[in-house]
Amino acid sequence: MPTFVAAEKCKGCMQCVDVCPSDIMHIDPHQGRAYNIEPSMCWECFACVKACPEGAIDVRGYADFAPLGHRVVPNRTTDRIYWTIRMRDGTEKQFDFPIRKGKWKSIASPATEPPPTAEVVAGELLAFEPDYLAIEALPTVAVTAGA
C-alpha cells in the first residue's frame, strides 16, 4: 500500500522526510508540502504515516483486500495506529496495531532464540509467532461440515 500525502493537511514539518528509509518522501519547494516522489518504490513500512503529526499521509490499498472505490485512512494515537477501510458501499472495517516505542535495536535478534523444533518448522506459523505479535494465538477460520 504505497503512501501519498493529502497536501491540504500537510504542514511541511519534514518528519516524514527524515524517517523515510527509502528516501522517497520529499518537500515540494514551491508548495512547502511533502509528497512521495516514487510510490512504486515505497517499502510500505508506514514509518511516515506513524511519524506524521498532522495525519496527512494516507495509503492506497490493494484490490486483494479493499475493492476499487475504497479509501484507507490511517489514524495515529500515542500507542497505536488504526486503519479504517471505507468500502464503496459505505461500510467500514477497522484494524489496529500497537506502535513499538522501545529504544532502537532493543528487539533481540532471532539469532539469540533457540533453534526451532521440527514440529515448529512443519507448522504454518512464522518464527516466534505469536510471541512477537503480542497475541495469545493467531485467528482461525471455522470450517463447517458440508461447506
Protein backbone atom coordinates (compact mmCIF):
# COMPACT_ATOMS: atom_id res chain seq x y z
CA MET A 1 0.00 0.00 0.00
CA PRO A 2 2.08 2.95 -1.20
CA THR A 3 1.72 6.22 0.65
CA PHE A 4 0.54 9.56 -0.61
CA VAL A 5 0.24 12.94 1.07
CA ALA A 6 -3.01 14.86 1.47
CA ALA A 7 -1.47 18.27 0.72
CA GLU A 8 -4.30 20.17 2.42
CA LYS A 9 -3.33 18.54 5.77
CA CYS A 10 0.46 18.70 5.38
CA LYS A 11 2.28 21.49 7.24
CA GLY A 12 5.73 20.72 5.77
CA CYS A 13 7.29 19.68 9.09
CA MET A 14 9.62 17.20 7.32
CA GLN A 15 9.14 14.41 9.86
CA CYS A 16 8.13 12.03 7.06
CA VAL A 17 11.18 13.08 5.03
CA ASP A 18 13.50 12.42 7.97
CA VAL A 19 12.08 8.99 8.78
CA CYS A 20 11.63 7.52 5.27
CA PRO A 21 14.14 4.67 4.81
CA SER A 22 13.82 4.66 1.02
CA ASP A 23 14.24 8.45 0.69
CA ILE A 24 11.10 8.91 -1.40
CA MET A 25 9.34 11.46 0.80
CA HIS A 26 10.37 14.97 -0.25
CA ILE A 27 9.19 18.54 0.29
CA ASP A 28 7.87 20.32 -2.79
CA PRO A 29 9.95 23.54 -2.97
CA HIS A 30 7.03 25.52 -4.44
CA GLN A 31 4.25 24.41 -2.08
CA GLY A 32 6.28 23.57 1.03
CA ARG A 33 4.34 20.31 1.38
CA ALA A 34 5.56 16.72 1.43
CA TYR A 35 4.98 14.31 -1.42
CA ASN A 36 6.00 10.78 -2.37
CA ILE A 37 8.33 11.12 -5.37
CA GLU A 38 8.16 7.43 -6.35
CA PRO A 39 5.17 5.50 -4.93
CA SER A 40 6.19 2.27 -6.65
CA MET A 41 9.43 2.29 -4.64
CA CYS A 42 7.64 2.61 -1.28
CA TRP A 43 8.82 -0.05 1.18
CA GLU A 44 5.38 0.07 2.82
CA CYS A 45 6.93 0.37 6.27
CA PHE A 46 4.49 3.22 7.07
CA ALA A 47 7.12 5.00 9.16
CA CYS A 48 5.97 8.24 7.53
CA VAL A 49 2.34 7.52 8.43
CA LYS A 50 3.32 6.86 12.04
CA ALA A 51 5.57 9.94 12.21
CA CYS A 52 3.22 12.50 10.65
CA PRO A 53 1.75 14.68 13.43
CA GLU A 54 -0.94 16.04 11.10
CA GLY A 55 -2.25 12.68 9.86
CA ALA A 56 -1.60 13.93 6.34
CA ILE A 57 -0.29 10.68 4.88
CA ASP A 58 -2.75 8.15 3.52
CA VAL A 59 -2.17 4.87 1.77
CA ARG A 60 -3.56 3.27 -1.35
CA GLY A 61 -4.91 -0.17 -0.58
CA TYR A 62 -4.52 -3.12 -2.87
CA ALA A 63 -7.53 -4.66 -4.60
CA ASP A 64 -6.99 -8.01 -2.90
CA PHE A 65 -8.29 -6.63 0.40
CA ALA A 66 -10.04 -3.38 -0.49
CA PRO A 67 -12.02 -3.11 -3.74
CA LEU A 68 -11.92 -0.21 -6.20
CA GLY A 69 -13.51 2.92 -4.85
CA HIS A 70 -12.30 2.29 -1.29
CA ARG A 71 -10.27 4.55 0.95
CA VAL A 72 -7.66 3.53 3.51
CA VAL A 73 -7.41 6.02 6.35
CA PRO A 74 -4.62 5.69 8.94
CA ASN A 75 -5.22 7.26 12.35
CA ARG A 76 -2.47 7.53 14.91
CA THR A 77 -2.55 7.78 18.70
CA THR A 78 0.42 7.71 21.05
CA ASP A 79 0.46 3.92 21.30
CA ARG A 80 -1.49 2.57 18.30
CA ILE A 81 -2.10 3.07 14.63
CA TYR A 82 -5.62 2.41 13.42
CA TRP A 83 -6.51 1.65 9.81
CA THR A 84 -10.03 2.32 8.64
CA ILE A 85 -11.03 0.80 5.30
CA ARG A 86 -14.04 2.60 3.82
CA MET A 87 -15.74 0.42 1.22
CA ARG A 88 -17.68 1.71 -1.78
CA ASP A 89 -20.99 0.85 -0.12
CA GLY A 90 -20.11 2.99 2.91
CA THR A 91 -19.28 0.16 5.31
CA GLU A 92 -16.11 0.47 7.33
CA LYS A 93 -13.66 -2.09 8.64
CA GLN A 94 -11.14 -1.15 11.29
CA PHE A 95 -7.79 -2.66 12.20
CA ASP A 96 -5.44 -1.53 14.92
CA PHE A 97 -1.81 -2.30 15.67
CA PRO A 98 0.46 -1.26 18.53
CA ILE A 99 3.29 1.15 17.85
CA ARG A 100 6.58 -0.06 19.25
CA LYS A 101 8.10 2.63 21.43
CA GLY A 102 11.22 0.88 22.71
CA LYS A 103 14.72 2.08 22.03
CA TRP A 104 16.16 1.47 18.58
CA LYS A 105 17.75 -2.01 18.31
CA SER A 106 16.15 -3.09 21.60
CA ILE A 107 14.46 -6.11 19.98
CA ALA A 108 16.54 -9.22 20.48
CA SER A 109 17.97 -10.75 17.34
CA PRO A 110 16.37 -14.03 16.21
CA ALA A 111 19.89 -15.47 16.49
CA THR A 112 19.52 -15.25 20.28
CA GLU A 113 16.48 -17.55 20.17
CA PRO A 114 16.87 -21.33 20.35
CA PRO A 115 16.63 -23.16 17.01
CA PRO A 116 13.04 -24.08 16.12
CA THR A 117 11.92 -27.66 16.68
CA ALA A 118 10.94 -29.93 13.78
CA GLU A 119 7.30 -29.51 14.83
CA VAL A 120 7.56 -25.72 14.60
CA VAL A 121 9.29 -25.91 11.21
CA ALA A 122 6.49 -28.14 9.88
CA GLY A 123 3.81 -25.74 11.19
CA GLU A 124 2.16 -22.79 9.46
CA LEU A 125 3.41 -20.08 11.79
CA LEU A 126 6.40 -17.88 11.10
CA ALA A 127 9.29 -17.97 13.54
CA PHE A 128 8.32 -16.92 17.05
CA GLU A 129 4.69 -16.19 16.21
CA PRO A 130 2.52 -15.31 18.02
CA ASP A 131 5.00 -14.19 20.73
CA TYR A 132 6.39 -11.29 18.68
CA LEU A 133 2.88 -10.25 17.65
CA ALA A 134 1.92 -9.91 21.34
CA ILE A 135 -1.17 -12.07 20.94
CA GLU A 136 -2.11 -15.39 22.52
CA ALA A 137 -2.97 -17.14 19.26
CA LEU A 138 -3.44 -16.36 15.60
CA PRO A 139 -7.06 -16.04 14.45
CA THR A 140 -8.55 -19.09 12.80
CA VAL A 141 -11.43 -19.64 10.43
CA ALA A 142 -14.02 -22.19 11.49
CA VAL A 143 -14.84 -24.73 8.79
CA THR A 144 -18.29 -26.28 8.97
CA ALA A 145 -19.17 -29.69 7.61
CA GLY A 146 -20.69 -29.60 4.14
CA ALA A 147 -19.31 -26.17 3.36
